[in-house]
Amino acid sequence: MIICPLTSDECPKLIPPLPKTVFIMSPSKKKTTPELKEVIENIKSALEQHSLKYIEGSAIIDYGDYLCSICRRILGCTFGIAISSIDISKPTLCNIFWEKGLMEGFGKPVVLFLDKNINLPSDFTRTFTIFFDRKNYLRKFSDLLQTLKELRKHYSDVLGDIALRAGDYEKAGKYYQEAYLIEENPEDMKKIGQLIKTLGKAANIPSGFKERLHQSLLAFKKGIQSKNTNYATRKK
């Protein structure tokens, strides 16, 4: 179940899956200094070298509630990147950290880029933190990207499979979906398909829970199929 951060109720929206896509939390181009623009462009280039796409939160334009649009993209992406600097205004920085916290609350890893002049509390400066005013920051980022991509196997073959054997179908579905978002590996989609079949046969699950989980997995599968169909049509 996904709890909407705006209503504190169950989210009724369809979440478009965005495999191999990173959500970038940074200032808009109008509010970014030349130095910070260079850092962001370097980050984008590194993502492309690892065959990863990206969405910039500051560039999202959609109908309806803006925060809802942000939240749906966060849920659909693989992981996130947040930018923090003394050159970013406080209101913008608050937005970035709100999105960062939201993404981590949904179980998505977030890489934090910041300069050493910011004295952040220890909660912010842990494993996925990179100081972009150091010479080797892009090399560290590249190594970290490889580590994040390797989470796919752990999510699918360890955490997801253990949850499935334990009969925790919701957790298994969560990890299989996250694994697929990282690499688009067809084996993970097979596991999702098998889980859908298992749910259909299971008799010891409350009907409401079973239906919700079943529909959630079907929506993810259909979202991927729709995306692939649209991509194939564009190529023609």
C-alpha atoms as a PDB file:
ATOM      1  CA  MET A   1       0.000   0.000   0.000  1.00  0.00           C
ATOM      2  CA  ILE A   2       1.213   3.508  -0.850  1.00  0.00           C
ATOM      3  CA  ILE A   3       0.166   6.244   1.561  1.00  0.00           C
ATOM      4  CA  CYS A   4      -0.303   9.639  -0.069  1.00  0.00           C
ATOM      5  CA  PRO A   5       1.826  12.279   1.746  1.00  0.00           C
ATOM      6  CA  LEU A   6      -0.775  14.915   0.900  1.00  0.00           C
ATOM      7  CA  THR A   7      -3.935  13.195   2.191  1.00  0.00           C
ATOM      8  CA  SER A   8      -2.508  10.521   4.540  1.00  0.00           C
ATOM      9  CA  ASP A   9      -4.825   8.070   2.794  1.00  0.00           C
ATOM     10  CA  GLU A  10      -4.157   5.279   0.301  1.00  0.00           C
ATOM     11  CA  CYS A  11      -2.935   6.632  -3.044  1.00  0.00           C
ATOM     12  CA  PRO A  12      -5.573   6.000  -5.750  1.00  0.00           C
ATOM     13  CA  LYS A  13      -3.338   7.043  -8.669  1.00  0.00           C
ATOM     14  CA  LEU A  14      -1.616   4.790 -11.188  1.00  0.00           C
ATOM     15  CA  ILE A  15       2.171   5.045 -10.863  1.00  0.00           C
ATOM     16  CA  PRO A  16       3.914   5.042 -14.261  1.00  0.00           C
ATOM     17  CA  PRO A  17       6.995   2.775 -13.968  1.00  0.00           C
ATOM     18  CA  LEU A  18      10.181   4.492 -15.191  1.00  0.00           C
ATOM     19  CA  PRO A  19      12.923   1.841 -15.449  1.00  0.00           C
ATOM     20  CA  LYS A  20      16.565   2.942 -15.431  1.00  0.00           C
ATOM     21  CA  THR A  21      15.455   6.503 -14.689  1.00  0.00           C
ATOM     22  CA  VAL A  22      16.899   8.754 -11.971  1.00  0.00           C
ATOM     23  CA  PHE A  23      14.963  11.564 -10.282  1.00  0.00           C
ATOM     24  CA  ILE A  24      17.159  14.690  -9.937  1.00  0.00           C
ATOM     25  CA  MET A  25      16.292  17.143  -7.149  1.00  0.00           C
ATOM     26  CA  SER A  26      17.991  20.467  -7.911  1.00  0.00           C
ATOM     27  CA  PRO A  27      17.172  24.161  -8.448  1.00  0.00           C
ATOM     28  CA  SER A  28      15.536  25.291 -11.684  1.00  0.00           C
ATOM     29  CA  LYS A  29      17.910  26.494 -14.389  1.00  0.00           C
ATOM     30  CA  LYS A  30      17.018  30.119 -13.633  1.00  0.00           C
ATOM     31  CA  LYS A  31      18.084  29.674 -10.007  1.00  0.00           C
ATOM     32  CA  THR A  32      21.312  27.753 -10.665  1.00  0.00           C
ATOM     33  CA  THR A  33      24.762  29.363 -10.628  1.00  0.00           C
ATOM     34  CA  PRO A  34      27.239  28.611 -13.479  1.00  0.00           C
ATOM     35  CA  GLU A  35      29.365  26.524 -11.091  1.00  0.00           C
ATOM     36  CA  LEU A  36      26.398  24.442  -9.989  1.00  0.00           C
ATOM     37  CA  LYS A  37      25.233  24.036 -13.595  1.00  0.00           C
ATOM     38  CA  GLU A  38      28.578  22.465 -14.423  1.00  0.00           C
ATOM     39  CA  VAL A  39      28.219  19.986 -11.556  1.00  0.00           C
ATOM     40  CA  ILE A  40      24.700  19.043 -12.643  1.00  0.00           C
ATOM     41  CA  GLU A  41      25.795  18.570 -16.272  1.00  0.00           C
ATOM     42  CA  ASN A  42      28.656  16.332 -15.091  1.00  0.00           C
ATOM     43  CA  ILE A  43      26.162  14.265 -13.083  1.00  0.00           C
ATOM     44  CA  LYS A  44      23.913  13.892 -16.142  1.00  0.00           C
ATOM     45  CA  SER A  45      26.864  12.805 -18.296  1.00  0.00           C
ATOM     46  CA  ALA A  46      27.857  10.183 -15.729  1.00  0.00           C
ATOM     47  CA  LEU A  47      24.282   8.837 -15.682  1.00  0.00           C
ATOM     48  CA  GLU A  48      24.252   8.576 -19.476  1.00  0.00           C
ATOM     49  CA  GLN A  49      27.559   6.695 -19.420  1.00  0.00           C
ATOM     50  CA  HIS A  50      25.858   4.118 -17.193  1.00  0.00           C
ATOM     51  CA  SER A  51      22.868   3.918 -19.593  1.00  0.00           C
ATOM     52  CA  LEU A  52      20.610   5.705 -17.113  1.00  0.00           C
ATOM     53  CA  LYS A  53      17.995   8.320 -17.978  1.00  0.00           C
ATOM     54  CA  TYR A  54      16.904  11.155 -15.709  1.00  0.00           C
ATOM     55  CA  ILE A  55      13.981  13.404 -14.805  1.00  0.00           C
ATOM     56  CA  GLU A  56      14.487  16.830 -13.214  1.00  0.00           C
ATOM     57  CA  GLY A  57      11.883  17.646 -10.590  1.00  0.00           C
ATOM     58  CA  SER A  58      12.218  21.369 -11.263  1.00  0.00           C
ATOM     59  CA  ALA A  59      11.261  20.851 -14.927  1.00  0.00           C
ATOM     60  CA  ILE A  60       8.071  18.838 -14.358  1.00  0.00           C
ATOM     61  CA  ILE A  61       4.987  20.514 -15.815  1.00  0.00           C
ATOM     62  CA  ASP A  62       1.752  18.573 -15.437  1.00  0.00           C
ATOM     63  CA  TYR A  63      -1.972  19.047 -14.957  1.00  0.00           C
ATOM     64  CA  GLY A  64      -3.430  18.894 -11.465  1.00  0.00           C
ATOM     65  CA  ASP A  65      -1.532  18.999  -8.188  1.00  0.00           C
ATOM     66  CA  TYR A  66       2.167  19.732  -8.726  1.00  0.00           C
ATOM     67  CA  LEU A  67       3.250  17.806  -5.618  1.00  0.00           C
ATOM     68  CA  CYS A  68       1.202  14.818  -6.765  1.00  0.00           C
ATOM     69  CA  SER A  69       3.106  14.878 -10.073  1.00  0.00           C
ATOM     70  CA  ILE A  70       6.416  14.971  -8.206  1.00  0.00           C
ATOM     71  CA  CYS A  71       5.384  12.098  -5.949  1.00  0.00           C
ATOM     72  CA  ARG A  72       4.276   9.872  -8.846  1.00  0.00           C
ATOM     73  CA  ARG A  73       7.598  10.397 -10.666  1.00  0.00           C
ATOM     74  CA  ILE A  74       9.521   9.659  -7.456  1.00  0.00           C
ATOM     75  CA  LEU A  75       7.647   6.390  -7.002  1.00  0.00           C
ATOM     76  CA  GLY A  76       8.237   5.381 -10.615  1.00  0.00           C
ATOM     77  CA  CYS A  77      11.977   6.115 -10.723  1.00  0.00           C
ATOM     78  CA  THR A  78      14.888   3.837  -9.863  1.00  0.00           C
ATOM     79  CA  PHE A  79      16.659   6.113  -7.359  1.00  0.00           C
ATOM     80  CA  GLY A  80      17.266   9.800  -6.714  1.00  0.00           C
ATOM     81  CA  ILE A  81      19.944  12.475  -6.722  1.00  0.00           C
ATOM     82  CA  ALA A  82      19.666  15.555  -4.488  1.00  0.00           C
ATOM     83  CA  ILE A  83      21.828  18.680  -4.815  1.00  0.00           C
ATOM     84  CA  SER A  84      22.705  20.871  -1.837  1.00  0.00           C
ATOM     85  CA  SER A  85      24.873  23.991  -1.901  1.00  0.00           C
ATOM     86  CA  ILE A  86      25.329  27.323  -0.143  1.00  0.00           C
ATOM     87  CA  ASP A  87      24.368  28.894  -3.482  1.00  0.00           C
ATOM     88  CA  ILE A  88      20.843  27.443  -3.319  1.00  0.00           C
ATOM     89  CA  SER A  89      18.177  29.572  -1.657  1.00  0.00           C
ATOM     90  CA  LYS A  90      16.576  28.300   1.537  1.00  0.00           C
ATOM     91  CA  PRO A  91      13.060  27.853   0.043  1.00  0.00           C
ATOM     92  CA  THR A  92      14.480  25.801  -2.841  1.00  0.00           C
ATOM     93  CA  LEU A  93      16.654  23.782  -0.476  1.00  0.00           C
ATOM     94  CA  CYS A  94      13.587  23.010   1.644  1.00  0.00           C
ATOM     95  CA  ASN A  95      11.826  21.650  -1.458  1.00  0.00           C
ATOM     96  CA  ILE A  96      14.847  19.503  -2.336  1.00  0.00           C
ATOM     97  CA  PHE A  97      15.071  17.978   1.133  1.00  0.00           C
ATOM     98  CA  TRP A  98      11.309  17.406   1.254  1.00  0.00           C
ATOM     99  CA  GLU A  99      11.566  15.431  -1.987  1.00  0.00           C
ATOM    100  CA  LYS A 100      14.668  13.615  -0.722  1.00  0.00           C
ATOM    101  CA  GLY A 101      12.907  12.563   2.469  1.00  0.00           C
ATOM    102  CA  LEU A 102       9.820  11.510   0.515  1.00  0.00           C
ATOM    103  CA  MET A 103      11.872   9.349  -1.826  1.00  0.00           C
ATOM    104  CA  GLU A 104      13.775   7.676   0.992  1.00  0.00           C
ATOM    105  CA  GLY A 105      10.508   7.131   2.848  1.00  0.00           C
ATOM    106  CA  PHE A 106       9.315   5.143  -0.175  1.00  0.00           C
ATOM    107  CA  GLY A 107      12.428   2.966   0.067  1.00  0.00           C
ATOM    108  CA  LYS A 108      14.348   4.527  -2.828  1.00  0.00           C
ATOM    109  CA  PRO A 109      18.099   5.236  -2.454  1.00  0.00           C
ATOM    110  CA  VAL A 110      19.097   8.891  -2.806  1.00  0.00           C
ATOM    111  CA  VAL A 111      22.605  10.158  -3.587  1.00  0.00           C
ATOM    112  CA  LEU A 112      23.267  13.541  -1.958  1.00  0.00           C
ATOM    113  CA  PHE A 113      25.704  15.926  -3.681  1.00  0.00           C
ATOM    114  CA  LEU A 114      26.846  18.835  -1.525  1.00  0.00           C
ATOM    115  CA  ASP A 115      29.767  21.188  -0.962  1.00  0.00           C
ATOM    116  CA  LYS A 116      31.910  20.983   2.157  1.00  0.00           C
ATOM    117  CA  ASN A 117      30.850  24.487   3.246  1.00  0.00           C
ATOM    118  CA  ILE A 118      27.453  23.153   4.331  1.00  0.00           C
ATOM    119  CA  ASN A 119      27.462  21.856   7.880  1.00  0.00           C
ATOM    120  CA  LEU A 120      24.734  19.235   7.653  1.00  0.00           C
ATOM    121  CA  PRO A 121      23.764  16.914  10.523  1.00  0.00           C
ATOM    122  CA  SER A 122      24.988  13.308  10.469  1.00  0.00           C
ATOM    123  CA  ASP A 123      21.568  12.084   9.264  1.00  0.00           C
ATOM    124  CA  PHE A 124      22.327  13.604   5.861  1.00  0.00           C
ATOM    125  CA  THR A 125      25.985  12.625   5.431  1.00  0.00           C
ATOM    126  CA  ARG A 126      26.074   8.850   5.306  1.00  0.00           C
ATOM    127  CA  THR A 127      26.893   6.239   2.645  1.00  0.00           C
ATOM    128  CA  PHE A 128      25.320   7.960  -0.351  1.00  0.00           C
ATOM    129  CA  THR A 129      26.935  11.379   0.129  1.00  0.00           C
ATOM    130  CA  ILE A 130      29.391  12.968  -2.316  1.00  0.00           C
ATOM    131  CA  PHE A 131      31.185  16.318  -1.903  1.00  0.00           C
ATOM    132  CA  PHE A 132      31.236  17.819  -5.391  1.00  0.00           C
ATOM    133  CA  ASP A 133      33.984  20.333  -4.603  1.00  0.00           C
ATOM    134  CA  ARG A 134      36.554  17.523  -4.373  1.00  0.00           C
ATOM    135  CA  LYS A 135      38.549  16.412  -7.407  1.00  0.00           C
ATOM    136  CA  ASN A 136      37.553  12.752  -7.381  1.00  0.00           C
ATOM    137  CA  TYR A 137      33.799  13.256  -6.947  1.00  0.00           C
ATOM    138  CA  LEU A 138      32.871  11.939 -10.403  1.00  0.00           C
ATOM    139  CA  ARG A 139      34.920   8.779  -9.911  1.00  0.00           C
ATOM    140  CA  LYS A 140      33.244   8.207  -6.553  1.00  0.00           C
ATOM    141  CA  PHE A 141      29.861   8.811  -8.192  1.00  0.00           C
ATOM    142  CA  SER A 142      30.627   6.290 -10.950  1.00  0.00           C
ATOM    143  CA  ASP A 143      31.584   3.659  -8.335  1.00  0.00           C
ATOM    144  CA  LEU A 144      28.423   4.413  -6.390  1.00  0.00           C
ATOM    145  CA  LEU A 145      26.282   4.072  -9.511  1.00  0.00           C
ATOM    146  CA  GLN A 146      27.725   0.611 -10.072  1.00  0.00           C
ATOM    147  CA  THR A 147      26.907  -0.296  -6.460  1.00  0.00           C
ATOM    148  CA  LEU A 148      23.328   0.906  -6.894  1.00  0.00           C
ATOM    149  CA  LYS A 149      22.919  -1.072 -10.127  1.00  0.00           C
ATOM    150  CA  GLU A 150      24.117  -4.196  -8.335  1.00  0.00           C
ATOM    151  CA  LEU A 151      21.205  -3.846  -5.887  1.00  0.00           C
ATOM    152  CA  ARG A 152      19.044  -5.441  -8.582  1.00  0.00           C
ATOM    153  CA  LYS A 153      20.365  -8.938  -7.858  1.00  0.00           C
ATOM    154  CA  HIS A 154      20.056  -8.463  -4.089  1.00  0.00           C
ATOM    155  CA  TYR A 155      16.487  -7.176  -4.368  1.00  0.00           C
ATOM    156  CA  SER A 156      15.339  -9.951  -6.694  1.00  0.00           C
ATOM    157  CA  ASP A 157      17.345 -13.063  -5.862  1.00  0.00           C
ATOM    158  CA  VAL A 158      17.681 -12.508  -2.116  1.00  0.00           C
ATOM    159  CA  LEU A 159      15.083 -10.190  -0.557  1.00  0.00           C
ATOM    160  CA  GLY A 160      12.283 -10.856  -3.040  1.00  0.00           C
ATOM    161  CA  ASP A 161      12.749 -14.632  -3.115  1.00  0.00           C
ATOM    162  CA  ILE A 162      12.986 -14.860   0.690  1.00  0.00           C
ATOM    163  CA  ALA A 163       9.764 -12.865   1.049  1.00  0.00           C
ATOM    164  CA  LEU A 164       8.033 -15.099  -1.502  1.00  0.00           C
ATOM    165  CA  ARG A 165       9.051 -18.280   0.319  1.00  0.00           C
ATOM    166  CA  ALA A 166       7.820 -16.750   3.580  1.00  0.00           C
ATOM    167  CA  GLY A 167       4.445 -15.983   2.002  1.00  0.00           C
ATOM    168  CA  ASP A 168       4.942 -12.213   2.273  1.00  0.00           C
ATOM    169  CA  TYR A 169       3.652 -11.504  -1.226  1.00  0.00           C
ATOM    170  CA  GLU A 170       3.480  -7.750  -0.840  1.00  0.00           C
ATOM    171  CA  LYS A 171       7.151  -7.499   0.099  1.00  0.00           C
ATOM    172  CA  ALA A 172       8.130  -9.910  -2.683  1.00  0.00           C
ATOM    173  CA  GLY A 173       6.232  -7.782  -5.213  1.00  0.00           C
ATOM    174  CA  LYS A 174       7.868  -4.610  -3.919  1.00  0.00           C
ATOM    175  CA  TYR A 175      11.411  -5.985  -4.358  1.00  0.00           C
ATOM    176  CA  TYR A 176      10.742  -7.585  -7.743  1.00  0.00           C
ATOM    177  CA  GLN A 177       9.399  -4.281  -9.043  1.00  0.00           C
ATOM    178  CA  GLU A 178      12.338  -2.302  -7.636  1.00  0.00           C
ATOM    179  CA  ALA A 179      14.733  -4.834  -9.174  1.00  0.00           C
ATOM    180  CA  TYR A 180      13.111  -4.445 -12.585  1.00  0.00           C
ATOM    181  CA  LEU A 181      13.308  -0.650 -12.376  1.00  0.00           C
ATOM    182  CA  ILE A 182      17.080  -0.877 -11.895  1.00  0.00           C
ATOM    183  CA  GLU A 183      17.960  -3.023 -14.903  1.00  0.00           C
ATOM    184  CA  GLU A 184      14.833  -3.964 -16.893  1.00  0.00           C
ATOM    185  CA  ASN A 185      15.870  -7.602 -16.505  1.00  0.00           C
ATOM    186  CA  PRO A 186      13.168  -9.883 -18.011  1.00  0.00           C
ATOM    187  CA  GLU A 187      13.758 -12.428 -15.224  1.00  0.00           C
ATOM    188  CA  ASP A 188      12.283  -9.979 -12.727  1.00  0.00           C
ATOM    189  CA  MET A 189       9.212  -9.484 -14.898  1.00  0.00           C
ATOM    190  CA  LYS A 190       8.826 -13.269 -15.042  1.00  0.00           C
ATOM    191  CA  LYS A 191       8.850 -13.357 -11.242  1.00  0.00           C
ATOM    192  CA  ILE A 192       6.171 -10.659 -11.141  1.00  0.00           C
ATOM    193  CA  GLY A 193       4.074 -12.699 -13.573  1.00  0.00           C
ATOM    194  CA  GLN A 194       4.522 -15.837 -11.476  1.00  0.00           C
ATOM    195  CA  LEU A 195       3.599 -13.898  -8.339  1.00  0.00           C
ATOM    196  CA  ILE A 196       0.381 -12.734 -10.031  1.00  0.00           C
ATOM    197  CA  LYS A 197      -0.478 -16.384 -10.787  1.00  0.00           C
ATOM    198  CA  THR A 198       0.386 -17.435  -7.220  1.00  0.00           C
ATOM    199  CA  LEU A 199      -1.931 -14.765  -5.828  1.00  0.00           C
ATOM    200  CA  GLY A 200      -4.728 -15.997  -8.064  1.00  0.00           C
ATOM    201  CA  LYS A 201      -4.454 -19.487  -6.585  1.00  0.00           C
ATOM    202  CA  ALA A 202      -3.862 -18.490  -2.957  1.00  0.00           C
ATOM    203  CA  ALA A 203      -6.845 -19.205  -0.723  1.00  0.00           C
ATOM    204  CA  ASN A 204      -5.524 -18.120   2.673  1.00  0.00           C
ATOM    205  CA  ILE A 205      -5.283 -14.361   1.937  1.00  0.00           C
ATOM    206  CA  PRO A 206      -8.004 -11.822   2.864  1.00  0.00           C
ATOM    207  CA  SER A 207      -9.887 -10.955  -0.323  1.00  0.00           C
ATOM    208  CA  GLY A 208      -9.431  -7.173   0.007  1.00  0.00           C
ATOM    209  CA  PHE A 209      -5.679  -7.412   0.467  1.00  0.00           C
ATOM    210  CA  LYS A 210      -5.396  -9.989  -2.308  1.00  0.00           C
ATOM    211  CA  GLU A 211      -7.307  -7.829  -4.794  1.00  0.00           C
ATOM    212  CA  ARG A 212      -5.329  -4.679  -3.974  1.00  0.00           C
ATOM    213  CA  LEU A 213      -1.974  -6.411  -4.383  1.00  0.00           C
ATOM    214  CA  HIS A 214      -3.126  -8.242  -7.500  1.00  0.00           C
ATOM    215  CA  GLN A 215      -4.253  -4.990  -9.156  1.00  0.00           C
ATOM    216  CA  SER A 216      -1.039  -3.223  -8.148  1.00  0.00           C
ATOM    217  CA  LEU A 217       1.152  -5.882  -9.786  1.00  0.00           C
ATOM    218  CA  LEU A 218      -1.034  -5.952 -12.905  1.00  0.00           C
ATOM    219  CA  ALA A 219      -0.814  -2.146 -13.184  1.00  0.00           C
ATOM    220  CA  PHE A 220       2.983  -2.296 -12.994  1.00  0.00           C
ATOM    221  CA  LYS A 221       3.142  -5.020 -15.649  1.00  0.00           C
ATOM    222  CA  LYS A 222       0.740  -3.167 -17.944  1.00  0.00           C
ATOM    223  CA  GLY A 223       2.684   0.075 -17.416  1.00  0.00           C
ATOM    224  CA  ILE A 224       5.876  -1.616 -18.592  1.00  0.00           C
ATOM    225  CA  GLN A 225       4.123  -3.220 -21.575  1.00  0.00           C
ATOM    226  CA  SER A 226       2.602   0.126 -22.550  1.00  0.00           C
ATOM    227  CA  LYS A 227       5.971   1.849 -22.288  1.00  0.00           C
ATOM    228  CA  ASN A 228       7.651  -0.795 -24.456  1.00  0.00           C
ATOM    229  CA  THR A 229       4.856  -0.625 -27.050  1.00  0.00           C
ATOM    230  CA  ASN A 230       5.129   3.172 -27.276  1.00  0.00           C
ATOM    231  CA  TYR A 231       8.924   2.935 -27.602  1.00  0.00           C
ATOM    232  CA  ALA A 232       8.639   0.368 -30.417  1.00  0.00           C
ATOM    233  CA  THR A 233       6.101   2.580 -32.227  1.00  0.00           C
ATOM    234  CA  ARG A 234       8.396   5.611 -32.008  1.00  0.00           C
ATOM    235  CA  LYS A 235      11.327   3.616 -33.439  1.00  0.00           C
ATOM    236  CA  LYS A 236       9.258   2.698 -36.508  1.00  0.00           C
END
